[in-house]
C-alpha atoms as a PDB file:
ATOM      1  CA  MET A   1      58.463  59.294  23.111  1.00  0.00           C
ATOM      2  CA  HIS A   2      55.222  59.779  21.659  1.00  0.00           C
ATOM      3  CA  VAL A   3      55.729  56.327  19.483  1.00  0.00           C
ATOM      4  CA  ALA A   4      56.612  54.692  22.377  1.00  0.00           C
ATOM      5  CA  LYS A   5      53.632  55.861  24.403  1.00  0.00           C
ATOM      6  CA  LEU A   6      51.366  55.061  21.591  1.00  0.00           C
ATOM      7  CA  PHE A   7      52.521  51.371  21.745  1.00  0.00           C
ATOM      8  CA  LEU A   8      53.525  51.336  25.477  1.00  0.00           C
ATOM      9  CA  PRO A   9      50.172  49.447  26.674  1.00  0.00           C
ATOM     10  CA  ALA A  10      50.588  46.576  24.484  1.00  0.00           C
ATOM     11  CA  VAL A  11      53.979  46.284  24.761  1.00  0.00           C
ATOM     12  CA  ALA A  12      53.725  46.638  28.550  1.00  0.00           C
ATOM     13  CA  VAL A  13      51.287  43.954  28.622  1.00  0.00           C
ATOM     14  CA  LEU A  14      52.509  41.396  26.192  1.00  0.00           C
ATOM     15  CA  ALA A  15      56.024  41.751  25.815  1.00  0.00           C
ATOM     16  CA  PHE A  16      57.952  42.930  29.005  1.00  0.00           C
ATOM     17  CA  SER A  17      59.545  39.810  30.238  1.00  0.00           C
ATOM     18  CA  VAL A  18      61.448  36.991  28.807  1.00  0.00           C
ATOM     19  CA  PRO A  19      59.122  34.569  30.397  1.00  0.00           C
ATOM     20  CA  ALA A  20      55.776  36.037  28.848  1.00  0.00           C
ATOM     21  CA  MET A  21      57.772  36.405  25.279  1.00  0.00           C
ATOM     22  CA  ALA A  22      58.629  32.798  25.422  1.00  0.00           C
ATOM     23  CA  GLN A  23      55.169  32.050  26.384  1.00  0.00           C
ATOM     24  CA  GLN A  24      53.445  33.992  23.318  1.00  0.00           C
ATOM     25  CA  MET A  25      56.496  32.274  20.970  1.00  0.00           C
ATOM     26  CA  ALA A  26      54.880  29.184  22.430  1.00  0.00           C
ATOM     27  CA  GLY A  27      51.671  30.175  20.781  1.00  0.00           C
ATOM     28  CA  GLY A  28      50.001  31.225  24.084  1.00  0.00           C
ATOM     29  CA  THR A  29      48.974  34.486  25.608  1.00  0.00           C
ATOM     30  CA  PRO A  30      49.845  35.147  29.107  1.00  0.00           C
ATOM     31  CA  SER A  31      46.779  35.338  31.743  1.00  0.00           C
ATOM     32  CA  VAL A  32      45.153  38.633  32.570  1.00  0.00           C
ATOM     33  CA  ASP A  33      47.043  37.778  35.981  1.00  0.00           C
ATOM     34  CA  ASP A  34      50.151  37.155  34.591  1.00  0.00           C
ATOM     35  CA  GLN A  35      50.074  40.538  32.464  1.00  0.00           C
ATOM     36  CA  VAL A  36      48.992  42.445  35.775  1.00  0.00           C
ATOM     37  CA  ASN A  37      51.466  40.812  38.070  1.00  0.00           C
ATOM     38  CA  GLN A  38      54.091  41.675  35.337  1.00  0.00           C
ATOM     39  CA  LEU A  39      53.297  45.031  35.358  1.00  0.00           C
ATOM     40  CA  ASP A  40      53.097  45.140  39.285  1.00  0.00           C
ATOM     41  CA  GLU A  41      56.727  43.849  39.416  1.00  0.00           C
ATOM     42  CA  MET A  42      57.741  46.734  36.944  1.00  0.00           C
ATOM     43  CA  VAL A  43      55.869  49.952  38.338  1.00  0.00           C
ATOM     44  CA  ASP A  44      54.566  48.810  41.827  1.00  0.00           C
ATOM     45  CA  LEU A  45      50.727  48.849  41.381  1.00  0.00           C
ATOM     46  CA  ASN A  46      48.367  49.756  43.888  1.00  0.00           C
ATOM     47  CA  ASP A  47      45.558  47.574  44.469  1.00  0.00           C
ATOM     48  CA  GLY A  48      43.004  50.265  42.383  1.00  0.00           C
ATOM     49  CA  GLN A  49      45.344  49.757  39.695  1.00  0.00           C
ATOM     50  CA  LYS A  50      45.680  46.134  39.474  1.00  0.00           C
ATOM     51  CA  GLU A  51      41.818  45.680  39.270  1.00  0.00           C
ATOM     52  CA  GLU A  52      41.144  48.446  36.539  1.00  0.00           C
ATOM     53  CA  LEU A  53      44.068  46.800  34.704  1.00  0.00           C
ATOM     54  CA  SER A  54      42.630  43.699  35.184  1.00  0.00           C
ATOM     55  CA  ASN A  55      39.107  44.828  34.176  1.00  0.00           C
ATOM     56  CA  LEU A  56      40.559  46.601  31.118  1.00  0.00           C
ATOM     57  CA  LEU A  57      42.750  43.726  29.761  1.00  0.00           C
ATOM     58  CA  THR A  58      40.141  40.952  30.128  1.00  0.00           C
ATOM     59  CA  GLN A  59      37.772  43.227  28.159  1.00  0.00           C
ATOM     60  CA  MET A  60      40.066  43.774  25.841  1.00  0.00           C
ATOM     61  CA  GLN A  61      40.441  40.024  25.538  1.00  0.00           C
ATOM     62  CA  ASP A  62      37.163  39.202  24.916  1.00  0.00           C
ATOM     63  CA  ASN A  63      36.756  41.903  22.541  1.00  0.00           C
ATOM     64  CA  VAL A  64      39.867  40.999  20.446  1.00  0.00           C
ATOM     65  CA  GLY A  65      39.425  37.263  20.797  1.00  0.00           C
ATOM     66  CA  ALA A  66      35.885  37.577  19.144  1.00  0.00           C
ATOM     67  CA  ASN A  67      36.742  39.404  16.599  1.00  0.00           C
ATOM     68  CA  GLU A  68      39.828  37.542  15.515  1.00  0.00           C
ATOM     69  CA  GLN A  69      38.077  34.760  15.341  1.00  0.00           C
ATOM     70  CA  GLU A  70      35.574  36.381  12.647  1.00  0.00           C
ATOM     71  CA  ALA A  71      38.416  37.731  10.682  1.00  0.00           C
ATOM     72  CA  GLN A  72      40.002  34.469  10.374  1.00  0.00           C
ATOM     73  CA  GLN A  73      37.044  33.112   9.265  1.00  0.00           C
ATOM     74  CA  LEU A  74      36.622  35.987   6.786  1.00  0.00           C
ATOM     75  CA  GLN A  75      40.045  35.393   5.624  1.00  0.00           C
ATOM     76  CA  GLN A  76      39.535  31.672   4.898  1.00  0.00           C
ATOM     77  CA  GLN A  77      36.558  32.416   2.906  1.00  0.00           C
ATOM     78  CA  LEU A  78      38.003  34.803   0.861  1.00  0.00           C
ATOM     79  CA  SER A  79      40.810  32.249  -0.022  1.00  0.00           C
ATOM     80  CA  GLU A  80      38.135  30.157  -0.707  1.00  0.00           C
ATOM     81  CA  HIS A  81      36.903  32.124  -3.404  1.00  0.00           C
ATOM     82  CA  VAL A  82      39.762  32.116  -5.632  1.00  0.00           C
ATOM     83  CA  GLN A  83      38.606  29.881  -8.313  1.00  0.00           C
ATOM     84  CA  PRO A  84      37.966  30.134 -12.066  1.00  0.00           C
ATOM     85  CA  ASP A  85      33.859  30.750 -11.580  1.00  0.00           C
ATOM     86  CA  TYR A  86      34.437  33.022  -8.629  1.00  0.00           C
ATOM     87  CA  ASP A  87      31.536  35.406  -7.134  1.00  0.00           C
ATOM     88  CA  GLU A  88      32.731  38.928  -7.377  1.00  0.00           C
ATOM     89  CA  ALA A  89      29.955  40.264  -5.164  1.00  0.00           C
ATOM     90  CA  ALA A  90      30.734  37.843  -2.522  1.00  0.00           C
ATOM     91  CA  ILE A  91      34.306  38.689  -2.596  1.00  0.00           C
ATOM     92  CA  ARG A  92      33.855  42.101  -2.253  1.00  0.00           C
ATOM     93  CA  ALA A  93      31.303  41.768   0.599  1.00  0.00           C
ATOM     94  CA  ASP A  94      33.887  39.722   2.517  1.00  0.00           C
ATOM     95  CA  ALA A  95      36.322  41.929   2.060  1.00  0.00           C
ATOM     96  CA  GLU A  96      34.275  44.750   3.205  1.00  0.00           C
ATOM     97  CA  ARG A  97      33.269  43.064   6.283  1.00  0.00           C
ATOM     98  CA  LEU A  98      36.823  42.500   6.735  1.00  0.00           C
ATOM     99  CA  GLY A  99      37.977  45.937   6.420  1.00  0.00           C
ATOM    100  CA  ASP A 100      34.769  47.241   8.625  1.00  0.00           C
ATOM    101  CA  LEU A 101      36.128  44.426  11.261  1.00  0.00           C
ATOM    102  CA  THR A 102      39.925  45.665  10.849  1.00  0.00           C
ATOM    103  CA  ALA A 103      38.752  49.118  11.461  1.00  0.00           C
ATOM    104  CA  GLU A 104      36.658  48.229  14.728  1.00  0.00           C
ATOM    105  CA  MET A 105      39.855  46.037  16.137  1.00  0.00           C
ATOM    106  CA  THR A 106      42.056  49.080  15.856  1.00  0.00           C
ATOM    107  CA  ALA A 107      39.427  51.756  16.921  1.00  0.00           C
ATOM    108  CA  GLU A 108      38.781  49.331  20.194  1.00  0.00           C
ATOM    109  CA  SER A 109      42.297  48.270  20.832  1.00  0.00           C
ATOM    110  CA  ILE A 110      43.512  52.120  20.466  1.00  0.00           C
ATOM    111  CA  ILE A 111      40.820  53.528  23.149  1.00  0.00           C
ATOM    112  CA  ILE A 112      41.490  50.215  25.301  1.00  0.00           C
ATOM    113  CA  GLN A 113      45.390  51.244  25.102  1.00  0.00           C
ATOM    114  CA  SER A 114      44.249  54.784  26.139  1.00  0.00           C
ATOM    115  CA  GLN A 115      42.577  53.594  29.344  1.00  0.00           C
ATOM    116  CA  ILE A 116      45.072  51.591  30.214  1.00  0.00           C
ATOM    117  CA  ASP A 117      47.395  54.354  29.906  1.00  0.00           C
ATOM    118  CA  GLY A 118      45.226  56.544  32.105  1.00  0.00           C
ATOM    119  CA  VAL A 119      45.558  54.141  34.737  1.00  0.00           C
ATOM    120  CA  PHE A 120      49.292  54.847  35.128  1.00  0.00           C
ATOM    121  CA  THR A 121      50.732  58.002  36.983  1.00  0.00           C
ATOM    122  CA  GLN A 122      53.263  59.999  35.129  1.00  0.00           C
ATOM    123  CA  GLU A 123      56.018  58.306  37.148  1.00  0.00           C
ATOM    124  CA  GLN A 124      54.968  54.955  36.123  1.00  0.00           C
ATOM    125  CA  ARG A 125      54.495  56.145  32.523  1.00  0.00           C
ATOM    126  CA  ASP A 126      58.065  57.197  32.364  1.00  0.00           C
ATOM    127  CA  GLN A 127      59.199  53.843  34.025  1.00  0.00           C
ATOM    128  CA  LEU A 128      57.476  51.830  31.561  1.00  0.00           C
ATOM    129  CA  ASP A 129      58.988  54.037  28.828  1.00  0.00           C
ATOM    130  CA  GLU A 130      62.541  53.377  29.906  1.00  0.00           C
ATOM    131  CA  ALA A 131      61.685  49.539  29.620  1.00  0.00           C
ATOM    132  CA  VAL A 132      59.920  50.079  26.715  1.00  0.00           C
ATOM    133  CA  ALA A 133      63.289  51.596  25.281  1.00  0.00           C
ATOM    134  CA  GLN A 134      64.946  48.727  26.901  1.00  0.00           C
ATOM    135  CA  GLN A 135      63.044  46.174  25.328  1.00  0.00           C
ATOM    136  CA  GLN A 136      63.216  47.599  22.106  1.00  0.00           C
ATOM    137  CA  GLN A 137      67.152  47.722  22.320  1.00  0.00           C
ATOM    138  CA  GLN A 138      67.266  44.009  23.466  1.00  0.00           C
ATOM    139  CA  MET A 139      64.844  42.975  20.545  1.00  0.00           C
ATOM    140  CA  GLN A 140      67.309  44.852  18.167  1.00  0.00           C
ATOM    141  CA  GLN A 141      70.361  43.676  19.450  1.00  0.00           C
ATOM    142  CA  MET A 142      69.074  39.757  19.071  1.00  0.00           C
ATOM    143  CA  GLN A 143      67.732  40.451  15.729  1.00  0.00           C
ATOM    144  CA  GLU A 144      71.558  41.610  14.766  1.00  0.00           C
ATOM    145  CA  GLN A 145      72.599  38.745  16.257  1.00  0.00           C
ATOM    146  CA  MET A 146      70.668  36.382  14.641  1.00  0.00           C
ATOM    147  CA  GLN A 147      71.354  38.082  11.205  1.00  0.00           C
ATOM    148  CA  GLN A 148      75.018  37.433  11.747  1.00  0.00           C
ATOM    149  CA  GLN A 149      74.359  34.085  12.676  1.00  0.00           C
ATOM    150  CA  GLY A 150      72.530  33.625   9.576  1.00  0.00           C
ATOM    151  CA  GLY A 151      74.446  35.309   6.894  1.00  0.00           C
END
């Protein structure tokens, strides 16, 4: 279950309940309170865990939000460089910054996910692992059904 544990916090926070997934599909991200409440329903968090998770999730949203916005701006700038009289130095500078930003976002995400994982007890982690496995199975079944309907 090492793979599940690596992705556990992100999956647990963002994809456990059908309402949260529906909200995401509609373009919204569940609020920090909604995410903490979903986790509380699954693993019965104590007050200290709720507060710590809320702080970490807020930190993650703040960091990721700012970085995502900058990454989108860089991607837009890069697409604007596609023209016959391109500026190679500008393209390379924007691409390098985008790479640096992506690395920063990845590291920050893994660090905060690890901190989130540390909030849970082993019993809670086991419950979340089981929920992740069930969620993955449901998603696979939905994909198979969609493929059968489409093909």
